[in-house]
Protein backbone atom coordinates (compact mmCIF):
# COMPACT_ATOMS: atom_id res chain seq x y z
CA UNK A 1 -28.23 60.79 -0.39
CA UNK A 2 -29.98 60.15 3.10
CA UNK A 3 -32.16 57.44 1.49
CA UNK A 4 -28.88 56.28 0.00
CA UNK A 5 -26.77 56.06 3.00
CA UNK A 6 -30.02 54.29 4.66
CA UNK A 7 -30.10 51.73 1.95
CA UNK A 8 -26.58 51.23 1.88
CA UNK A 9 -26.39 50.36 5.77
CA UNK A 10 -29.65 48.36 5.56
CA UNK A 11 -27.44 46.05 3.32
CA UNK A 12 -24.45 46.04 5.59
CA UNK A 13 -26.71 45.16 7.99
CA UNK A 14 -28.59 42.54 6.37
CA UNK A 15 -25.54 40.99 5.00
CA UNK A 16 -23.92 40.96 8.87
CA UNK A 17 -26.96 39.21 9.84
CA UNK A 18 -26.67 36.23 6.78
CA UNK A 19 -22.32 36.03 7.03
CA UNK A 20 -22.50 33.23 9.46
CA UNK A 21 -25.20 31.13 7.56
CA UNK A 22 -23.57 31.59 4.46
CA UNK A 23 -20.09 30.35 6.13
CA UNK A 24 -22.21 27.20 7.67
CA UNK A 25 -23.84 26.55 4.55
CA UNK A 26 -20.19 26.66 2.59
CA UNK A 27 -18.68 24.33 5.62
CA UNK A 28 -21.66 22.00 5.25
CA UNK A 29 -21.03 21.35 0.93
CA UNK A 30 -21.76 17.64 0.59
CA UNK A 31 -19.73 15.56 -2.10
CA UNK A 32 -20.00 12.46 -4.28
CA UNK A 33 -18.08 9.82 -2.51
CA UNK A 34 -17.79 6.99 -4.74
CA UNK A 35 -16.77 3.25 -2.65
CA UNK A 36 -15.53 0.40 -5.42
CA UNK A 37 -15.57 -2.62 -3.80
CA UNK A 38 -13.74 -5.82 -4.98
CA UNK A 39 -13.85 -9.40 -3.52
CA UNK A 40 -15.43 -10.33 -0.37
CA UNK A 41 -16.24 -7.21 1.60
CA UNK A 42 -18.50 -5.05 3.20
CA UNK A 43 -17.58 -1.94 4.41
CA UNK A 44 -19.96 -0.06 7.54
CA UNK A 45 -19.79 3.84 6.87
CA UNK A 46 -20.26 5.78 9.96
CA UNK A 47 -21.28 8.88 9.20
CA UNK A 48 -23.18 11.64 10.89
CA UNK A 49 -23.70 9.19 14.39
CA UNK A 50 -25.18 7.29 11.55
CA UNK A 51 -24.48 3.29 10.24
CA UNK A 52 -24.37 3.22 6.30
CA UNK A 53 -23.64 -0.68 5.26
CA UNK A 54 -23.06 -1.41 2.03
CA UNK A 55 -21.74 -4.39 0.24
CA UNK A 56 -21.48 -3.08 -3.87
CA UNK A 57 -20.09 -0.45 -5.69
CA UNK A 58 -22.02 2.03 -4.01
CA UNK A 59 -21.90 6.44 -4.59
CA UNK A 60 -23.20 8.39 -1.50
CA UNK A 61 -23.43 12.17 -0.81
CA UNK A 62 -20.83 12.83 2.35
CA UNK A 63 -18.74 15.92 3.82
CA UNK A 64 -16.39 16.18 6.95
CA UNK A 65 -14.97 13.62 8.68
CA UNK A 66 -15.90 9.59 7.70
CA UNK A 67 -15.45 6.51 9.38
CA UNK A 68 -14.48 3.44 7.68
CA UNK A 69 -15.19 0.18 8.83
CA UNK A 70 -14.08 -2.92 6.75
CA UNK A 71 -15.09 -6.32 6.97
CA UNK A 72 -14.12 -9.96 4.89
CA UNK A 73 -17.42 -11.82 4.70
CA UNK A 74 -15.39 -14.79 3.98
CA UNK A 75 -12.54 -16.82 5.66
CA UNK A 76 -9.06 -16.57 4.76
CA UNK A 77 -9.43 -12.53 3.31
CA UNK A 78 -7.52 -9.43 4.75
CA UNK A 79 -8.95 -6.13 3.70
CA UNK A 80 -6.98 -3.06 1.88
CA UNK A 81 -8.39 0.21 1.94
CA UNK A 82 -6.92 2.62 -0.76
CA UNK A 83 -3.84 -0.09 -1.03
CA UNK A 84 -3.30 -0.11 2.63
CA UNK A 85 -3.71 -3.15 4.39
CA UNK A 86 -5.94 -1.70 7.07
CA UNK A 87 -9.79 -2.60 8.36
CA UNK A 88 -11.19 0.58 9.81
CA UNK A 89 -9.63 4.46 8.89
CA UNK A 90 -11.07 7.71 9.00
CA UNK A 91 -11.40 10.15 6.36
CA UNK A 92 -11.83 14.03 5.75
CA UNK A 93 -14.30 14.50 3.13
CA UNK A 94 -13.91 18.13 1.02
CA UNK A 95 -14.33 16.78 -2.40
CA UNK A 96 -15.77 14.47 -5.20
CA UNK A 97 -13.58 11.03 -3.49
CA UNK A 98 -13.24 7.63 -4.86
CA UNK A 99 -12.33 5.03 -2.07
CA UNK A 100 -10.96 2.03 -3.40
CA UNK A 101 -11.82 -0.74 -0.44
CA UNK A 102 -10.33 -4.76 -1.77
CA UNK A 103 -10.67 -7.79 -0.32
CA UNK A 104 -7.08 -10.43 -1.09
CA UNK A 105 -6.11 -13.78 0.48
CA UNK A 106 -4.38 -13.86 3.22
CA UNK A 107 -1.35 -15.90 2.06
CA UNK A 108 -0.36 -16.83 -1.38
CA UNK A 109 2.35 -19.40 -2.59
CA UNK A 110 5.69 -17.82 -3.66
CA UNK A 111 7.80 -20.08 -5.27
CA UNK A 112 11.77 -19.31 -6.36
CA UNK A 113 13.38 -20.79 -9.31
CA UNK A 114 17.20 -21.25 -9.06
CA UNK A 115 18.83 -21.66 -12.06
CA UNK A 116 22.57 -22.70 -12.22
CA UNK A 117 24.42 -23.57 -9.33
CA UNK A 118 24.67 -20.61 -5.91
CA UNK A 119 23.19 -20.55 -2.26
CA UNK A 120 20.09 -18.14 -2.08
CA UNK A 121 18.40 -16.23 1.08
CA UNK A 122 15.12 -15.73 1.55
CA UNK A 123 13.65 -13.78 4.35
CA UNK A 124 9.57 -13.36 4.98
CA UNK A 125 7.79 -10.67 6.84
CA UNK A 126 7.88 -12.74 10.30
CA UNK A 127 11.60 -12.76 10.30
CA UNK A 128 12.14 -16.44 9.61
CA UNK A 129 15.17 -16.99 7.06
CA UNK A 130 15.36 -19.61 4.63
CA UNK A 131 18.43 -20.70 2.65
CA UNK A 132 17.54 -22.46 -0.37
CA UNK A 133 20.11 -24.04 -3.39
CA UNK A 134 16.81 -25.80 -5.53
CA UNK A 135 13.53 -24.73 -6.30
CA UNK A 136 10.71 -24.13 -2.93
CA UNK A 137 7.86 -22.70 -2.85
CA UNK A 138 6.50 -20.87 0.29
CA UNK A 139 3.52 -20.37 1.71
CA UNK A 140 3.38 -16.00 2.25
CA UNK A 141 1.71 -13.61 3.66
CA UNK A 142 0.18 -11.32 1.22
CA UNK A 143 0.82 -7.77 0.27
CA UNK A 144 3.62 -8.58 2.48
CA UNK A 145 7.39 -7.55 1.90
CA UNK A 146 10.06 -10.37 0.46
CA UNK A 147 13.94 -9.64 0.72
CA UNK A 148 15.88 -12.18 -1.49
CA UNK A 149 19.81 -11.88 -1.13
CA UNK A 150 22.56 -13.97 -2.57
CA UNK A 151 26.54 -14.19 -2.12
CA UNK A 152 28.19 -10.62 -3.04
CA UNK A 153 31.19 -12.54 -5.07
CA UNK A 154 28.29 -14.34 -7.25
CA UNK A 155 27.25 -13.05 -10.59
CA UNK A 156 23.17 -13.11 -10.23
CA UNK A 157 20.13 -11.75 -12.42
CA UNK A 158 17.02 -11.99 -11.06
CA UNK A 159 14.00 -12.53 -13.15
CA UNK A 160 16.24 -12.67 -16.64
CA UNK A 161 16.67 -8.85 -16.18
CA UNK A 162 17.51 -7.82 -13.26
CA UNK A 163 21.90 -8.08 -12.00
CA UNK A 164 21.84 -7.88 -8.24
CA UNK A 165 22.66 -9.51 -5.69
CA UNK A 166 19.52 -8.41 -3.74
CA UNK A 167 16.04 -8.15 -4.80
CA UNK A 168 13.54 -6.90 -2.64
CA UNK A 169 9.65 -7.27 -3.32
CA UNK A 170 5.80 -6.64 -2.43
CA UNK A 171 3.66 -9.85 -2.68
CA UNK A 172 0.45 -9.03 -4.16
CA UNK A 173 -0.92 -12.53 -5.13
CA UNK A 174 0.91 -15.96 -6.33
CA UNK A 175 4.15 -14.82 -7.53
CA UNK A 176 7.15 -16.64 -8.55
CA UNK A 177 11.02 -15.26 -8.82
CA UNK A 178 13.71 -16.47 -11.33
CA UNK A 179 17.03 -16.60 -9.44
CA UNK A 180 19.67 -17.00 -12.31
CA UNK A 181 23.83 -17.97 -11.33
CA UNK A 182 26.30 -16.66 -14.17
CA UNK A 183 29.99 -17.73 -14.75
CA UNK A 184 31.91 -14.82 -13.27
CA UNK A 185 34.77 -16.20 -15.13
CA UNK A 186 34.35 -13.05 -16.94
CA UNK A 187 34.50 -10.76 -14.03
CA UNK A 188 38.11 -9.35 -13.20
CA UNK A 189 38.59 -9.23 -9.61
CA UNK A 190 39.18 -5.26 -9.73
CA UNK A 191 35.37 -5.80 -10.94
CA UNK A 192 34.40 -8.32 -8.16
CA UNK A 193 35.68 -6.08 -5.67
CA UNK A 194 33.57 -3.25 -6.48
CA UNK A 195 30.76 -5.27 -7.25
CA UNK A 196 31.01 -6.23 -3.42
CA UNK A 197 31.10 -2.88 -2.15
CA UNK A 198 28.47 -1.86 -4.45
CA UNK A 199 26.46 -4.92 -3.75
CA UNK A 200 27.10 -4.56 0.09
CA UNK A 201 26.26 -0.65 0.08
CA UNK A 202 23.18 -1.56 -1.93
CA UNK A 203 22.29 -3.89 0.09
CA UNK A 204 22.41 -1.91 3.30
CA UNK A 205 19.80 0.27 1.55
CA UNK A 206 17.55 -2.83 1.04
CA UNK A 207 17.42 -3.82 3.86
CA UNK A 208 16.53 -0.42 5.66
CA UNK A 209 14.02 -0.52 3.51
CA UNK A 210 12.60 -3.41 3.82
CA UNK A 211 12.56 -3.60 7.28
CA UNK A 212 11.22 -0.32 7.50
CA UNK A 213 7.77 -1.00 5.17
CA UNK A 214 8.14 -4.29 7.33
CA UNK A 215 7.48 -2.50 10.44
CA UNK A 216 4.83 -0.08 8.56
CA UNK A 217 2.62 -3.13 7.69
CA UNK A 218 3.36 -4.71 11.02
CA UNK A 219 2.18 -2.29 12.51
CA UNK A 220 -1.04 -1.47 10.31
């Protein structure tokens, strides 16, 4: 009986002595982190006061806090880290992770194709507004929000299938938008008024989203 009590006491002492080391070992568990690079970009990984420079798809074993600094290696490009327009960020690695780092062109072409007769307002992310009634191509900041709208008394279709008087889009590469003005003869005055009020409300909501994402994009 005394021997059993001694063994139990000795085991508790050993467990108490080793417990902090077990916790430390668990907290320092490292995980595979995949870096997927696309485009002309390099990434400096700052980890444990060391710099690891990578320029291709790489898997590192990391844990805890990691700081990334990504730079395009060609002029006219900006960097996205996991889809966010940032060039540096800090991450807490607590499990297997995949990080996407992409270099995209800074500016792209946005073409507005107008079918029918009507006036279109195009507002860019820098706050500039343009009023056009014929086809036009703009040079815009890539990965930015564009707000397009037409008068609420017009019957309009965007890109052949979206019936609305406004259109908010995130530009990701050169693209085009089709704006088709349809005849209003089949729309009653009551329907027009309902459409106008609904369009105004939805337009305000869309504009609020546009301004929110524009401010968020600018802050990054």
